[in-house]
């Protein structure tokens, strides 16, 4: 069984595959089994406390009420990978997957062709940042980057910077950059805040006791129609006090300027897009498993085009927490059940 990706989703898949009595082989493009965590910006912390952010049977060290840092999460995943005791091959980028009878052949960038009775696509989305295309964007002479390329505020000290995006990452970056730069947060709509602490308890306590995390994704798409920013009060205060300048999204670029909705042209040094990601699944395009937008054709993570192919870590795959540390293991158990049945049949046919 091939698992593509060794981040939180790939490791959750490896555990579920192992527990189903099968042997996972995990292929990871980077140099360690920690997914995209080592490459996020320096100040990133989890939005969920440690007690709600661990894999089954492997709690995080330290205070369970703290919000772990980027490096703490990466180190935790390294330890979890070692704990699993499965075959994880780093520096192994998957370049394509093709059907082979009831199974598959997984091709790597290094030229290997690995036969597989089943495939778990758990490669996340960090490698496929969503960048909007605005009029005049190709003429912009300042720095233009997605949050994937941002690490810390030091390079932007005393510069004119616009952050685009009304979700958690956009507001976090705006708050951080406001301390060193002339900063504007540009969003399509006013920010919608969700309290981090309710009646003395972290929000994730209430998500757990109400089982909100377990509600079907189909319901949630109607309930959660726009980004919600988790907030202890700091971000709301920052916007209401003017410490974080928020404006309606600009409409175009023009040379070294952005053009605001009222027609004002303003010179800026850098624009940082915190505009999310899309599933990084280009290696499945030749297989015909993706739609015209590059999104997987699936039902709750189970491919509707190819038996033996499943997905993990998709946003709202089955629930509100599907693409998070706290939710991905439930999804892994769900998709591995039918996958294991398929693989058992495929083993007999192709002799793996």
Protein backbone atom coordinates (compact mmCIF):
# COMPACT_ATOMS: atom_id res chain seq x y z
CA UNK A 1 0.00 0.00 0.00
CA UNK A 2 1.48 3.36 -1.01
CA UNK A 3 0.82 6.46 1.07
CA UNK A 4 1.82 9.70 -0.67
CA UNK A 5 2.97 12.28 1.86
CA UNK A 6 4.37 11.99 5.40
CA UNK A 7 2.72 14.95 7.04
CA UNK A 8 -0.08 14.63 9.57
CA UNK A 9 -2.41 13.07 6.99
CA UNK A 10 0.12 10.61 5.64
CA UNK A 11 1.17 9.49 9.10
CA UNK A 12 -2.47 9.08 10.15
CA UNK A 13 -2.99 6.97 7.03
CA UNK A 14 0.10 4.87 7.77
CA UNK A 15 -1.18 4.11 11.28
CA UNK A 16 -4.64 3.13 9.98
CA UNK A 17 -3.17 0.96 7.20
CA UNK A 18 -0.83 -0.74 9.65
CA UNK A 19 -3.67 -1.38 12.09
CA UNK A 20 -5.69 -2.93 9.25
CA UNK A 21 -2.99 -5.56 8.90
CA UNK A 22 -1.38 -4.14 5.77
CA UNK A 23 2.11 -2.80 5.14
CA UNK A 24 2.24 0.90 4.26
CA UNK A 25 5.09 2.41 2.28
CA UNK A 26 5.09 6.17 2.79
CA UNK A 27 6.66 8.36 0.11
CA UNK A 28 7.66 11.86 1.24
CA UNK A 29 9.16 14.54 -1.02
CA UNK A 30 10.97 16.45 1.73
CA UNK A 31 13.78 15.44 4.06
CA UNK A 32 11.69 14.56 7.11
CA UNK A 33 8.28 13.09 8.00
CA UNK A 34 6.76 16.35 9.20
CA UNK A 35 4.83 17.53 6.17
CA UNK A 36 4.65 21.25 5.58
CA UNK A 37 5.08 22.26 9.22
CA UNK A 38 8.81 23.09 9.04
CA UNK A 39 8.11 25.48 6.13
CA UNK A 40 5.39 27.62 7.70
CA UNK A 41 6.15 31.11 9.01
CA UNK A 42 8.19 31.31 12.20
CA UNK A 43 5.52 32.62 14.57
CA UNK A 44 2.80 30.12 13.66
CA UNK A 45 1.09 28.33 16.52
CA UNK A 46 -1.67 25.78 16.52
CA UNK A 47 -5.15 27.15 17.08
CA UNK A 48 -6.01 24.08 19.15
CA UNK A 49 -4.43 23.19 22.52
CA UNK A 50 -2.00 20.29 22.72
CA UNK A 51 -4.56 18.02 24.39
CA UNK A 52 -6.78 18.23 21.29
CA UNK A 53 -3.98 18.11 18.72
CA UNK A 54 -2.34 14.72 19.21
CA UNK A 55 -2.55 11.50 17.24
CA UNK A 56 -4.35 8.55 18.87
CA UNK A 57 -2.28 6.93 21.60
CA UNK A 58 0.58 9.41 21.31
CA UNK A 59 -0.01 12.57 23.40
CA UNK A 60 2.06 15.70 22.98
CA UNK A 61 4.61 16.39 25.70
CA UNK A 62 4.29 19.34 28.07
CA UNK A 63 1.35 21.44 29.21
CA UNK A 64 -1.77 20.04 27.50
CA UNK A 65 -3.39 23.48 27.58
CA UNK A 66 -0.69 25.26 25.59
CA UNK A 67 -0.85 26.12 21.90
CA UNK A 68 2.15 24.34 20.32
CA UNK A 69 4.52 26.24 18.04
CA UNK A 70 5.37 25.36 14.46
CA UNK A 71 8.63 23.70 15.50
CA UNK A 72 6.97 21.78 18.33
CA UNK A 73 4.46 20.29 15.90
CA UNK A 74 7.17 19.36 13.40
CA UNK A 75 9.19 17.67 16.15
CA UNK A 76 6.09 15.86 17.42
CA UNK A 77 5.40 14.46 13.94
CA UNK A 78 9.02 13.31 13.65
CA UNK A 79 8.63 11.38 16.90
CA UNK A 80 5.25 9.99 15.88
CA UNK A 81 6.72 8.72 12.60
CA UNK A 82 9.45 6.90 14.51
CA UNK A 83 6.85 5.52 16.92
CA UNK A 84 4.83 4.04 14.05
CA UNK A 85 7.70 1.84 12.89
CA UNK A 86 6.62 1.82 9.23
CA UNK A 87 8.56 2.22 5.98
CA UNK A 88 8.90 5.98 5.31
CA UNK A 89 11.03 7.03 2.35
CA UNK A 90 12.03 10.69 2.40
CA UNK A 91 13.46 12.61 -0.58
CA UNK A 92 10.97 10.66 -2.72
CA UNK A 93 8.68 12.90 -4.74
CA UNK A 94 5.79 11.27 -6.57
CA UNK A 95 5.53 12.47 -10.17
CA UNK A 96 2.61 10.40 -11.40
CA UNK A 97 0.22 7.54 -10.72
CA UNK A 98 -1.20 5.24 -13.38
CA UNK A 99 -3.68 2.39 -13.25
CA UNK A 100 -2.37 -1.16 -13.60
CA UNK A 101 -5.18 -3.70 -13.61
CA UNK A 102 -6.87 -3.59 -10.20
CA UNK A 103 -3.88 -1.73 -8.77
CA UNK A 104 -1.56 1.13 -9.62
CA UNK A 105 1.99 2.05 -10.48
CA UNK A 106 3.40 5.02 -8.60
CA UNK A 107 6.18 6.86 -10.43
CA UNK A 108 8.75 8.94 -8.57
CA UNK A 109 10.83 11.89 -9.73
CA UNK A 110 13.89 9.68 -9.26
CA UNK A 111 12.67 7.31 -11.96
CA UNK A 112 11.32 4.49 -9.82
CA UNK A 113 8.05 2.71 -10.67
CA UNK A 114 6.49 1.27 -7.52
CA UNK A 115 3.58 -1.18 -7.83
CA UNK A 116 0.72 -0.60 -5.41
CA UNK A 117 -2.49 -2.46 -4.68
CA UNK A 118 -3.88 0.75 -3.18
CA UNK A 119 -2.94 4.43 -2.92
CA UNK A 120 -3.63 7.00 -0.22
CA UNK A 121 -3.19 10.54 -1.58
CA UNK A 122 -2.22 12.47 1.56
CA UNK A 123 0.04 15.13 0.07
CA UNK A 124 -1.78 18.10 1.58
CA UNK A 125 -2.02 21.50 -0.08
CA UNK A 126 1.05 23.54 0.93
CA UNK A 127 2.64 22.86 -2.46
CA UNK A 128 -0.33 24.37 -4.30
CA UNK A 129 -0.99 27.88 -2.93
CA UNK A 130 -4.06 29.66 -4.23
CA UNK A 131 -3.06 32.96 -5.83
CA UNK A 132 -5.71 35.30 -7.24
CA UNK A 133 -5.11 36.95 -10.60
CA UNK A 134 -5.93 40.66 -10.64
CA UNK A 135 -5.81 43.16 -13.51
CA UNK A 136 -2.29 44.51 -13.99
CA UNK A 137 -0.72 41.93 -11.70
CA UNK A 138 2.02 41.15 -14.21
CA UNK A 139 3.07 44.83 -14.16
CA UNK A 140 3.58 45.04 -10.40
CA UNK A 141 7.17 46.03 -9.62
CA UNK A 142 7.04 45.46 -5.87
CA UNK A 143 7.38 42.14 -4.06
CA UNK A 144 4.43 39.81 -4.52
CA UNK A 145 4.31 36.57 -2.56
CA UNK A 146 1.99 34.01 -1.06
CA UNK A 147 2.20 33.35 2.68
CA UNK A 148 4.11 30.16 1.81
CA UNK A 149 7.10 32.40 1.12
CA UNK A 150 6.79 34.47 4.31
CA UNK A 151 8.92 33.65 7.36
CA UNK A 152 9.21 36.68 9.65
CA UNK A 153 8.51 40.45 9.62
CA UNK A 154 12.13 41.67 9.63
CA UNK A 155 12.48 42.12 5.82
CA UNK A 156 9.40 44.37 5.81
CA UNK A 157 10.44 46.83 8.49
CA UNK A 158 9.50 50.42 7.56
CA UNK A 159 7.96 49.30 4.25
CA UNK A 160 4.45 49.78 2.87
CA UNK A 161 2.86 46.32 2.94
CA UNK A 162 -0.60 45.01 2.04
CA UNK A 163 -1.72 41.62 3.33
CA UNK A 164 -4.63 40.07 1.43
CA UNK A 165 -6.95 37.63 3.17
CA UNK A 166 -9.59 37.59 5.89
CA UNK A 167 -8.82 34.20 7.45
CA UNK A 168 -6.62 33.20 10.36
CA UNK A 169 -3.32 33.48 8.50
CA UNK A 170 -4.11 36.88 6.98
CA UNK A 171 -5.11 38.39 10.31
CA UNK A 172 -2.14 36.84 12.11
CA UNK A 173 0.32 38.22 9.57
CA UNK A 174 -1.34 41.63 9.61
CA UNK A 175 -1.06 41.74 13.40
CA UNK A 176 2.61 40.74 13.24
CA UNK A 177 3.55 43.13 10.44
CA UNK A 178 1.65 46.06 11.94
CA UNK A 179 4.40 46.29 14.54
CA UNK A 180 7.15 46.99 12.01
CA UNK A 181 5.55 48.12 8.73
CA UNK A 182 3.00 50.55 7.33
CA UNK A 183 0.41 47.81 7.03
CA UNK A 184 -3.04 47.41 5.50
CA UNK A 185 -5.12 44.24 5.62
CA UNK A 186 -7.22 43.98 2.45
CA UNK A 187 -10.27 41.71 2.60
CA UNK A 188 -13.37 41.08 0.54
CA UNK A 189 -15.62 41.49 3.59
CA UNK A 190 -15.34 42.54 7.25
CA UNK A 191 -13.55 40.03 9.48
CA UNK A 192 -15.74 37.46 11.25
CA UNK A 193 -14.32 36.54 14.67
CA UNK A 194 -14.86 33.40 16.72
CA UNK A 195 -13.88 33.54 20.41
CA UNK A 196 -10.91 31.33 21.30
CA UNK A 197 -12.14 31.00 24.90
CA UNK A 198 -15.81 30.59 25.85
CA UNK A 199 -16.87 30.50 29.52
CA UNK A 200 -13.30 29.84 30.59
CA UNK A 201 -12.76 26.93 28.19
CA UNK A 202 -10.97 26.81 24.87
CA UNK A 203 -13.32 26.59 21.89
CA UNK A 204 -12.05 23.10 21.08
CA UNK A 205 -13.43 21.81 24.37
CA UNK A 206 -16.88 22.86 23.21
CA UNK A 207 -16.35 21.46 19.73
CA UNK A 208 -15.57 18.13 21.37
CA UNK A 209 -18.38 17.99 23.94
CA UNK A 210 -21.00 19.14 21.43
CA UNK A 211 -19.52 16.79 18.79
CA UNK A 212 -19.54 19.67 16.32
CA UNK A 213 -16.30 18.23 14.94
CA UNK A 214 -18.24 15.14 13.94
CA UNK A 215 -21.05 16.82 12.01
CA UNK A 216 -21.25 15.83 8.32
CA UNK A 217 -19.35 18.10 5.96
CA UNK A 218 -22.46 18.56 3.80
CA UNK A 219 -24.17 20.35 6.70
CA UNK A 220 -21.12 22.41 7.55
CA UNK A 221 -20.75 23.86 4.06
CA UNK A 222 -24.09 25.58 4.64
CA UNK A 223 -23.27 26.66 8.20
CA UNK A 224 -19.72 27.92 7.61
CA UNK A 225 -19.93 30.11 4.52
CA UNK A 226 -16.99 32.43 5.16
CA UNK A 227 -13.67 32.36 7.04
CA UNK A 228 -13.83 32.62 10.82
CA UNK A 229 -10.85 34.01 12.71
CA UNK A 230 -10.13 32.50 16.12
CA UNK A 231 -9.42 35.36 18.50
CA UNK A 232 -8.58 35.92 22.14
CA UNK A 233 -9.66 39.53 21.63
CA UNK A 234 -6.34 40.84 20.35
CA UNK A 235 -7.22 40.81 16.66
CA UNK A 236 -10.64 42.39 17.05
CA UNK A 237 -9.11 45.08 19.25
CA UNK A 238 -6.39 45.64 16.69
CA UNK A 239 -8.87 46.31 13.91
CA UNK A 240 -11.35 48.31 15.99
CA UNK A 241 -8.57 50.50 17.42
CA UNK A 242 -6.97 51.07 14.01
CA UNK A 243 -3.72 49.37 14.99
CA UNK A 244 -4.47 47.03 12.09
CA UNK A 245 -5.74 49.06 9.15
CA UNK A 246 -8.38 47.07 7.26
CA UNK A 247 -9.69 48.15 3.88
CA UNK A 248 -11.92 46.63 1.24
CA UNK A 249 -9.92 44.62 -1.28
CA UNK A 250 -8.07 46.58 -3.96
CA UNK A 251 -9.18 45.99 -7.55
CA UNK A 252 -5.98 46.05 -9.60
CA UNK A 253 -2.23 46.51 -9.76
CA UNK A 254 -0.58 49.30 -11.73
CA UNK A 255 3.21 49.33 -11.85
CA UNK A 256 4.39 49.94 -8.30
CA UNK A 257 0.86 50.69 -7.08
CA UNK A 258 -2.33 48.99 -6.05
CA UNK A 259 -5.63 50.53 -7.09
CA UNK A 260 -8.19 50.69 -4.28
CA UNK A 261 -11.93 50.32 -4.82
CA UNK A 262 -12.44 54.10 -4.73
CA UNK A 263 -9.90 54.57 -7.55
CA UNK A 264 -7.01 55.69 -5.35
CA UNK A 265 -3.61 54.55 -6.62
CA UNK A 266 -1.10 53.88 -3.86
CA UNK A 267 2.52 52.82 -4.08
CA UNK A 268 3.30 49.71 -2.04
CA UNK A 269 6.50 47.76 -1.46
CA UNK A 270 5.02 44.31 -0.98
CA UNK A 271 1.74 42.40 -1.25
CA UNK A 272 1.39 39.17 0.74
CA UNK A 273 -1.47 36.88 -0.31
CA UNK A 274 -2.86 34.82 2.57
CA UNK A 275 -5.46 33.35 0.27
CA UNK A 276 -5.33 29.69 1.13
CA UNK A 277 -4.39 26.57 -0.75
CA UNK A 278 -5.79 23.95 -3.09
CA UNK A 279 -5.13 20.20 -2.92
CA UNK A 280 -1.67 19.38 -4.28
CA UNK A 281 -2.64 16.43 -6.45
CA UNK A 282 -1.20 17.12 -9.91
CA UNK A 283 0.41 13.68 -9.92
CA UNK A 284 -3.12 12.20 -10.23
CA UNK A 285 -4.09 14.20 -13.33
CA UNK A 286 -2.93 11.53 -15.84
CA UNK A 287 -5.02 8.98 -13.95
CA UNK A 288 -8.23 10.89 -14.62
CA UNK A 289 -9.08 11.09 -10.93
CA UNK A 290 -9.41 14.89 -10.83
CA UNK A 291 -12.07 17.24 -12.17
CA UNK A 292 -11.49 20.16 -14.52
CA UNK A 293 -10.40 22.33 -11.57
CA UNK A 294 -7.80 19.86 -10.36
CA UNK A 295 -9.93 18.76 -7.43
CA UNK A 296 -10.41 15.10 -6.52
CA UNK A 297 -13.59 13.31 -7.46
CA UNK A 298 -14.49 11.63 -4.19
CA UNK A 299 -17.15 10.87 -1.61
CA UNK A 300 -15.90 11.43 1.96
CA UNK A 301 -12.34 10.75 0.80
CA UNK A 302 -13.06 7.64 -1.25
CA UNK A 303 -12.39 8.05 -4.98
CA UNK A 304 -15.45 7.83 -7.18
CA UNK A 305 -13.30 7.13 -10.25
CA UNK A 306 -10.79 4.50 -9.12
CA UNK A 307 -11.37 1.72 -6.56
CA UNK A 308 -8.30 1.48 -4.37
CA UNK A 309 -7.61 5.23 -4.38
CA UNK A 310 -8.49 7.31 -1.32
CA UNK A 311 -7.70 10.79 -0.02
CA UNK A 312 -6.82 12.26 3.36
CA UNK A 313 -6.47 15.81 4.62
CA UNK A 314 -8.97 17.52 2.33
CA UNK A 315 -10.81 20.51 3.78
CA UNK A 316 -14.30 19.46 4.90
CA UNK A 317 -13.58 15.94 3.64
CA UNK A 318 -15.99 14.52 6.21
CA UNK A 319 -16.13 17.08 9.01
CA UNK A 320 -15.07 20.52 10.24
CA UNK A 321 -11.73 19.08 11.44
CA UNK A 322 -10.89 16.80 8.52
CA UNK A 323 -7.68 18.61 7.55
CA UNK A 324 -6.43 19.14 11.11
CA UNK A 325 -4.29 17.18 13.53
CA UNK A 326 -7.29 16.56 15.74
CA UNK A 327 -9.56 15.22 13.01
CA UNK A 328 -7.51 13.48 10.35
CA UNK A 329 -7.14 10.18 12.22
CA UNK A 330 -10.91 9.64 12.27
CA UNK A 331 -10.98 10.13 8.52
CA UNK A 332 -8.04 7.76 8.11
CA UNK A 333 -9.96 4.95 9.80
CA UNK A 334 -12.97 5.70 7.59
CA UNK A 335 -11.17 5.55 4.24
CA UNK A 336 -8.90 2.63 5.09
CA UNK A 337 -11.80 0.24 5.78
CA UNK A 338 -12.97 -0.04 2.14
CA UNK A 339 -9.41 0.40 0.91
CA UNK A 340 -8.25 -2.64 2.87
CA UNK A 341 -11.03 -4.75 1.36
CA UNK A 342 -10.02 -3.66 -2.14
CA UNK A 343 -6.35 -4.28 -1.49
CA UNK A 344 -6.95 -7.79 -0.20
CA UNK A 345 -8.56 -8.61 -3.54
CA UNK A 346 -5.88 -6.84 -5.55
CA UNK A 347 -3.12 -8.70 -3.71
CA UNK A 348 -4.47 -12.01 -4.97
CA UNK A 349 -4.62 -10.75 -8.57
CA UNK A 350 -1.31 -8.94 -8.98
CA UNK A 351 0.70 -10.97 -6.50
CA UNK A 352 1.92 -8.19 -4.23
